[in-house]
Amino acid sequence: MSRDSANAGRLVRPRLKRGTHVRDEEHQARELTKTLAILDAEGADGAFIWTFADPWLTHSADPRHDLDMTSTALVKTCERGHGTTYPGLPWEPKPAFGAVASFYTTR
């Protein structure tokens, strides 16, 4: 049996990379806003923008274990527990969440 077929149907966590890891949520929000502006200028009535949450890519205060850093989700999934902005939910909004809301508030 090949390694790929042995893992079929199982969630495999991404491998952590070595080196320096930098979280830049403001950059993510800027890129998303630029994309929305392009779509709006071209007359698109709607589009799928990234994803709301990536529950398997959890946020961690330790950059080596912050799997959310690679996620294009609008919210970061809490590694344990719940967020503070919306108590009881297992996620916390990123700046991209607010950027989407702000973009459509002006439309």
N, C-alpha and C. Protein backbone atom coordinates (compact mmCIF):
# COMPACT_ATOMS: atom_id res chain seq x y z
N MET A 1 0.86 -1.17 0.00
CA MET A 1 0.00 0.00 0.00
C MET A 1 0.91 1.24 0.00
N SER A 2 0.61 2.20 -0.88
CA SER A 2 1.41 3.42 -0.94
C SER A 2 1.12 4.32 0.25
N ARG A 3 2.03 5.23 0.52
CA ARG A 3 1.85 6.17 1.64
C ARG A 3 0.60 7.02 1.45
N ASP A 4 0.34 7.45 0.20
CA ASP A 4 -0.83 8.28 -0.07
C ASP A 4 -2.12 7.51 0.20
N SER A 5 -2.19 6.26 -0.20
CA SER A 5 -3.42 5.51 0.04
C SER A 5 -3.57 5.16 1.52
N ALA A 6 -2.46 5.07 2.26
CA ALA A 6 -2.53 4.80 3.69
C ALA A 6 -3.15 5.97 4.43
N ASN A 7 -2.97 7.19 3.92
CA ASN A 7 -3.51 8.39 4.55
C ASN A 7 -4.84 8.84 3.95
N ALA A 8 -5.36 8.11 3.00
CA ALA A 8 -6.60 8.49 2.35
C ALA A 8 -7.72 8.61 3.38
N GLY A 9 -8.42 9.73 3.34
CA GLY A 9 -9.55 9.95 4.24
C GLY A 9 -9.16 10.45 5.62
N ARG A 10 -7.87 10.58 5.89
CA ARG A 10 -7.41 11.08 7.20
C ARG A 10 -6.88 12.49 7.04
N LEU A 11 -7.15 13.32 8.02
CA LEU A 11 -6.63 14.68 8.02
C LEU A 11 -5.17 14.63 8.45
N VAL A 12 -4.29 15.14 7.62
CA VAL A 12 -2.87 15.17 7.92
C VAL A 12 -2.48 16.62 8.19
N ARG A 13 -1.95 16.88 9.38
CA ARG A 13 -1.56 18.25 9.73
C ARG A 13 -0.35 18.66 8.91
N PRO A 14 -0.31 19.93 8.47
CA PRO A 14 0.84 20.42 7.71
C PRO A 14 2.11 20.35 8.54
N ARG A 15 3.23 20.18 7.86
CA ARG A 15 4.52 20.16 8.54
C ARG A 15 4.94 21.59 8.83
N LEU A 16 5.58 21.79 9.96
CA LEU A 16 6.07 23.11 10.33
C LEU A 16 7.37 23.39 9.60
N LYS A 17 7.54 24.63 9.16
CA LYS A 17 8.76 25.01 8.46
C LYS A 17 9.75 25.60 9.46
N ARG A 18 11.00 25.43 9.15
CA ARG A 18 12.06 26.02 9.97
C ARG A 18 12.29 27.45 9.50
N GLY A 19 12.90 28.25 10.34
CA GLY A 19 13.25 29.61 9.95
C GLY A 19 12.37 30.64 10.62
N THR A 20 12.44 31.86 10.10
CA THR A 20 11.69 32.98 10.66
C THR A 20 10.30 33.02 10.06
N HIS A 21 9.33 33.21 10.92
CA HIS A 21 7.93 33.26 10.49
C HIS A 21 7.36 34.62 10.90
N VAL A 22 6.77 35.31 9.95
CA VAL A 22 6.23 36.64 10.22
C VAL A 22 4.75 36.66 9.88
N ARG A 23 3.93 37.03 10.85
CA ARG A 23 2.49 37.17 10.65
C ARG A 23 2.24 38.61 10.20
N ASP A 24 1.54 38.78 9.09
CA ASP A 24 1.23 40.12 8.60
C ASP A 24 -0.23 40.17 8.19
N GLU A 25 -1.10 40.29 9.18
CA GLU A 25 -2.53 40.31 8.90
C GLU A 25 -2.95 41.58 8.17
N GLU A 26 -2.25 42.68 8.39
CA GLU A 26 -2.57 43.93 7.68
C GLU A 26 -2.30 43.78 6.18
N HIS A 27 -1.24 43.08 5.83
CA HIS A 27 -0.93 42.81 4.42
C HIS A 27 -2.05 41.99 3.79
N GLN A 28 -2.51 40.97 4.52
CA GLN A 28 -3.61 40.14 4.04
C GLN A 28 -4.84 41.00 3.77
N ALA A 29 -5.16 41.91 4.69
CA ALA A 29 -6.33 42.78 4.53
C ALA A 29 -6.17 43.70 3.32
N ARG A 30 -4.96 44.25 3.14
CA ARG A 30 -4.71 45.13 1.98
C ARG A 30 -4.87 44.38 0.66
N GLU A 31 -4.32 43.18 0.59
CA GLU A 31 -4.42 42.39 -0.64
C GLU A 31 -5.87 42.03 -0.95
N LEU A 32 -6.61 41.68 0.06
CA LEU A 32 -8.03 41.36 -0.13
C LEU A 32 -8.80 42.57 -0.61
N THR A 33 -8.54 43.73 -0.02
CA THR A 33 -9.23 44.96 -0.43
C THR A 33 -8.89 45.32 -1.87
N LYS A 34 -7.62 45.15 -2.27
CA LYS A 34 -7.23 45.41 -3.66
C LYS A 34 -7.96 44.49 -4.61
N THR A 35 -8.08 43.22 -4.24
CA THR A 35 -8.79 42.26 -5.09
C THR A 35 -10.26 42.62 -5.21
N LEU A 36 -10.88 42.99 -4.10
CA LEU A 36 -12.29 43.39 -4.13
C LEU A 36 -12.49 44.63 -5.00
N ALA A 37 -11.56 45.58 -4.94
CA ALA A 37 -11.66 46.80 -5.75
C ALA A 37 -11.56 46.47 -7.24
N ILE A 38 -10.67 45.56 -7.59
CA ILE A 38 -10.54 45.15 -8.99
C ILE A 38 -11.84 44.49 -9.47
N LEU A 39 -12.37 43.59 -8.69
CA LEU A 39 -13.62 42.92 -9.07
C LEU A 39 -14.76 43.91 -9.19
N ASP A 40 -14.82 44.86 -8.27
CA ASP A 40 -15.86 45.89 -8.30
C ASP A 40 -15.72 46.76 -9.54
N ALA A 41 -14.50 47.16 -9.86
CA ALA A 41 -14.26 48.01 -11.04
C ALA A 41 -14.61 47.29 -12.34
N GLU A 42 -14.47 45.98 -12.34
CA GLU A 42 -14.79 45.20 -13.53
C GLU A 42 -16.27 44.84 -13.61
N GLY A 43 -17.04 45.25 -12.59
CA GLY A 43 -18.48 45.03 -12.62
C GLY A 43 -18.95 43.68 -12.09
N ALA A 44 -18.09 42.98 -11.38
CA ALA A 44 -18.51 41.69 -10.81
C ALA A 44 -19.61 41.93 -9.77
N ASP A 45 -20.67 41.16 -9.86
CA ASP A 45 -21.77 41.29 -8.90
C ASP A 45 -21.49 40.54 -7.60
N GLY A 46 -20.57 39.61 -7.63
CA GLY A 46 -20.22 38.85 -6.44
C GLY A 46 -19.07 37.92 -6.74
N ALA A 47 -18.41 37.48 -5.71
CA ALA A 47 -17.28 36.56 -5.86
C ALA A 47 -17.03 35.85 -4.54
N PHE A 48 -16.43 34.69 -4.60
CA PHE A 48 -15.99 34.02 -3.40
C PHE A 48 -14.65 34.64 -2.99
N ILE A 49 -14.57 35.11 -1.79
CA ILE A 49 -13.33 35.71 -1.32
C ILE A 49 -12.72 34.83 -0.25
N TRP A 50 -11.68 34.15 -0.64
CA TRP A 50 -10.96 33.28 0.28
C TRP A 50 -11.92 32.36 1.02
N THR A 51 -11.84 32.32 2.32
CA THR A 51 -12.72 31.47 3.10
C THR A 51 -12.95 32.14 4.45
N PHE A 52 -14.03 31.79 5.10
CA PHE A 52 -14.34 32.41 6.39
C PHE A 52 -13.40 31.89 7.47
N ALA A 53 -13.25 30.58 7.58
CA ALA A 53 -12.41 29.98 8.62
C ALA A 53 -11.74 28.72 8.10
N ASP A 54 -10.55 28.46 8.59
CA ASP A 54 -9.83 27.22 8.34
C ASP A 54 -9.62 26.54 9.69
N PRO A 55 -10.60 25.76 10.17
CA PRO A 55 -10.51 25.22 11.52
C PRO A 55 -9.32 24.31 11.78
N TRP A 56 -8.75 23.73 10.75
CA TRP A 56 -7.61 22.84 10.93
C TRP A 56 -6.30 23.61 10.94
N LEU A 57 -6.32 24.89 10.56
CA LEU A 57 -5.12 25.73 10.60
C LEU A 57 -5.25 26.68 11.79
N THR A 58 -4.95 26.18 12.96
CA THR A 58 -5.17 26.93 14.20
C THR A 58 -4.10 27.98 14.45
N HIS A 59 -4.52 29.03 15.14
CA HIS A 59 -3.62 30.11 15.54
C HIS A 59 -2.89 29.71 16.82
N SER A 60 -1.63 30.06 16.90
CA SER A 60 -0.83 29.84 18.10
C SER A 60 0.02 31.06 18.34
N ALA A 61 0.24 31.41 19.60
CA ALA A 61 1.13 32.53 19.93
C ALA A 61 2.57 32.21 19.56
N ASP A 62 2.91 30.95 19.46
CA ASP A 62 4.25 30.52 19.05
C ASP A 62 4.29 30.47 17.52
N PRO A 63 5.06 31.36 16.87
CA PRO A 63 5.08 31.40 15.40
C PRO A 63 5.44 30.07 14.74
N ARG A 64 6.20 29.23 15.42
CA ARG A 64 6.57 27.93 14.84
C ARG A 64 5.37 27.01 14.73
N HIS A 65 4.34 27.26 15.54
CA HIS A 65 3.15 26.41 15.55
C HIS A 65 1.90 27.14 15.06
N ASP A 66 2.08 28.35 14.54
CA ASP A 66 0.95 29.16 14.09
C ASP A 66 0.57 28.76 12.67
N LEU A 67 -0.23 27.71 12.55
CA LEU A 67 -0.63 27.21 11.24
C LEU A 67 -1.55 28.19 10.52
N ASP A 68 -2.23 29.05 11.27
CA ASP A 68 -3.12 30.05 10.68
C ASP A 68 -2.34 31.07 9.85
N MET A 69 -1.06 31.20 10.11
CA MET A 69 -0.25 32.19 9.39
C MET A 69 -0.31 31.98 7.88
N THR A 70 -0.53 30.75 7.44
CA THR A 70 -0.61 30.46 6.01
C THR A 70 -2.04 30.47 5.48
N SER A 71 -2.98 30.71 6.35
CA SER A 71 -4.39 30.65 5.98
C SER A 71 -4.87 31.97 5.38
N THR A 72 -5.75 31.86 4.41
CA THR A 72 -6.38 33.04 3.83
C THR A 72 -7.78 33.24 4.41
N ALA A 73 -8.03 32.67 5.56
CA ALA A 73 -9.34 32.81 6.21
C ALA A 73 -9.51 34.22 6.77
N LEU A 74 -10.76 34.66 6.87
CA LEU A 74 -11.08 35.98 7.43
C LEU A 74 -10.97 36.00 8.95
N VAL A 75 -10.98 34.82 9.56
CA VAL A 75 -10.86 34.72 11.02
C VAL A 75 -9.78 33.69 11.35
N LYS A 76 -9.17 33.85 12.53
CA LYS A 76 -8.19 32.85 12.96
C LYS A 76 -8.86 31.94 13.98
N THR A 77 -8.69 30.65 13.76
CA THR A 77 -9.27 29.65 14.64
C THR A 77 -8.41 29.53 15.89
N CYS A 78 -9.06 29.59 17.03
CA CYS A 78 -8.35 29.50 18.31
C CYS A 78 -7.82 28.08 18.50
N GLU A 79 -6.59 28.01 18.96
CA GLU A 79 -5.97 26.71 19.20
C GLU A 79 -6.74 25.96 20.29
N ARG A 80 -7.10 26.71 21.33
CA ARG A 80 -7.89 26.15 22.44
C ARG A 80 -8.86 27.22 22.90
N GLY A 81 -10.02 26.83 23.30
CA GLY A 81 -10.96 27.79 23.87
C GLY A 81 -11.69 28.60 22.83
N HIS A 82 -12.02 29.83 23.23
CA HIS A 82 -12.84 30.71 22.40
C HIS A 82 -12.20 32.07 22.26
N GLY A 83 -12.67 32.82 21.25
CA GLY A 83 -12.19 34.17 21.05
C GLY A 83 -12.82 35.14 22.04
N THR A 84 -12.41 36.40 21.98
CA THR A 84 -12.94 37.40 22.90
C THR A 84 -13.91 38.36 22.21
N THR A 85 -13.76 38.59 20.91
CA THR A 85 -14.64 39.51 20.20
C THR A 85 -16.07 38.99 20.17
N TYR A 86 -16.21 37.71 19.90
CA TYR A 86 -17.52 37.05 19.89
C TYR A 86 -17.42 35.87 20.87
N PRO A 87 -17.61 36.13 22.17
CA PRO A 87 -17.45 35.07 23.17
C PRO A 87 -18.32 33.85 22.83
N GLY A 88 -17.74 32.71 23.06
CA GLY A 88 -18.45 31.47 22.79
C GLY A 88 -18.13 30.88 21.42
N LEU A 89 -17.48 31.65 20.56
CA LEU A 89 -17.11 31.13 19.24
C LEU A 89 -15.62 30.81 19.24
N PRO A 90 -15.21 29.77 18.54
CA PRO A 90 -13.82 29.34 18.57
C PRO A 90 -12.91 30.06 17.58
N TRP A 91 -13.21 31.30 17.29
CA TRP A 91 -12.40 32.07 16.37
C TRP A 91 -12.38 33.54 16.75
N GLU A 92 -11.41 34.25 16.15
CA GLU A 92 -11.22 35.68 16.39
C GLU A 92 -11.06 36.36 15.02
N PRO A 93 -11.76 37.48 14.77
CA PRO A 93 -11.63 38.15 13.47
C PRO A 93 -10.21 38.66 13.23
N LYS A 94 -9.78 38.56 11.96
CA LYS A 94 -8.52 39.16 11.52
C LYS A 94 -8.86 40.52 10.92
N PRO A 95 -7.87 41.36 10.67
CA PRO A 95 -8.14 42.63 9.99
C PRO A 95 -8.85 42.45 8.65
N ALA A 96 -8.63 41.34 7.98
CA ALA A 96 -9.32 41.07 6.71
C ALA A 96 -10.83 41.00 6.89
N PHE A 97 -11.29 40.52 8.03
CA PHE A 97 -12.72 40.45 8.35
C PHE A 97 -13.29 41.87 8.33
N GLY A 98 -12.62 42.79 9.01
CA GLY A 98 -13.05 44.19 9.03
C GLY A 98 -12.91 44.86 7.68
N ALA A 99 -11.89 44.47 6.91
CA ALA A 99 -11.67 45.07 5.60
C ALA A 99 -12.83 44.74 4.66
N VAL A 100 -13.32 43.52 4.70
CA VAL A 100 -14.46 43.13 3.86
C VAL A 100 -15.69 43.91 4.29
N ALA A 101 -15.92 44.00 5.58
CA ALA A 101 -17.08 44.75 6.07
C ALA A 101 -16.99 46.21 5.66
N SER A 102 -15.83 46.82 5.81
CA SER A 102 -15.65 48.23 5.43
C SER A 102 -15.84 48.45 3.93
N PHE A 103 -15.31 47.51 3.14
CA PHE A 103 -15.43 47.63 1.67
C PHE A 103 -16.89 47.66 1.26
N TYR A 104 -17.69 46.76 1.81
CA TYR A 104 -19.09 46.69 1.40
C TYR A 104 -19.96 47.71 2.09
N THR A 105 -19.50 48.31 3.17
CA THR A 105 -20.26 49.39 3.82
C THR A 105 -20.36 50.61 2.90
N THR A 106 -19.33 50.82 2.08
CA THR A 106 -19.29 51.98 1.20
C THR A 106 -19.97 51.71 -0.15
N ARG A 107 -20.47 50.53 -0.37
CA ARG A 107 -21.10 50.19 -1.66
C ARG A 107 -22.59 50.33 -1.58
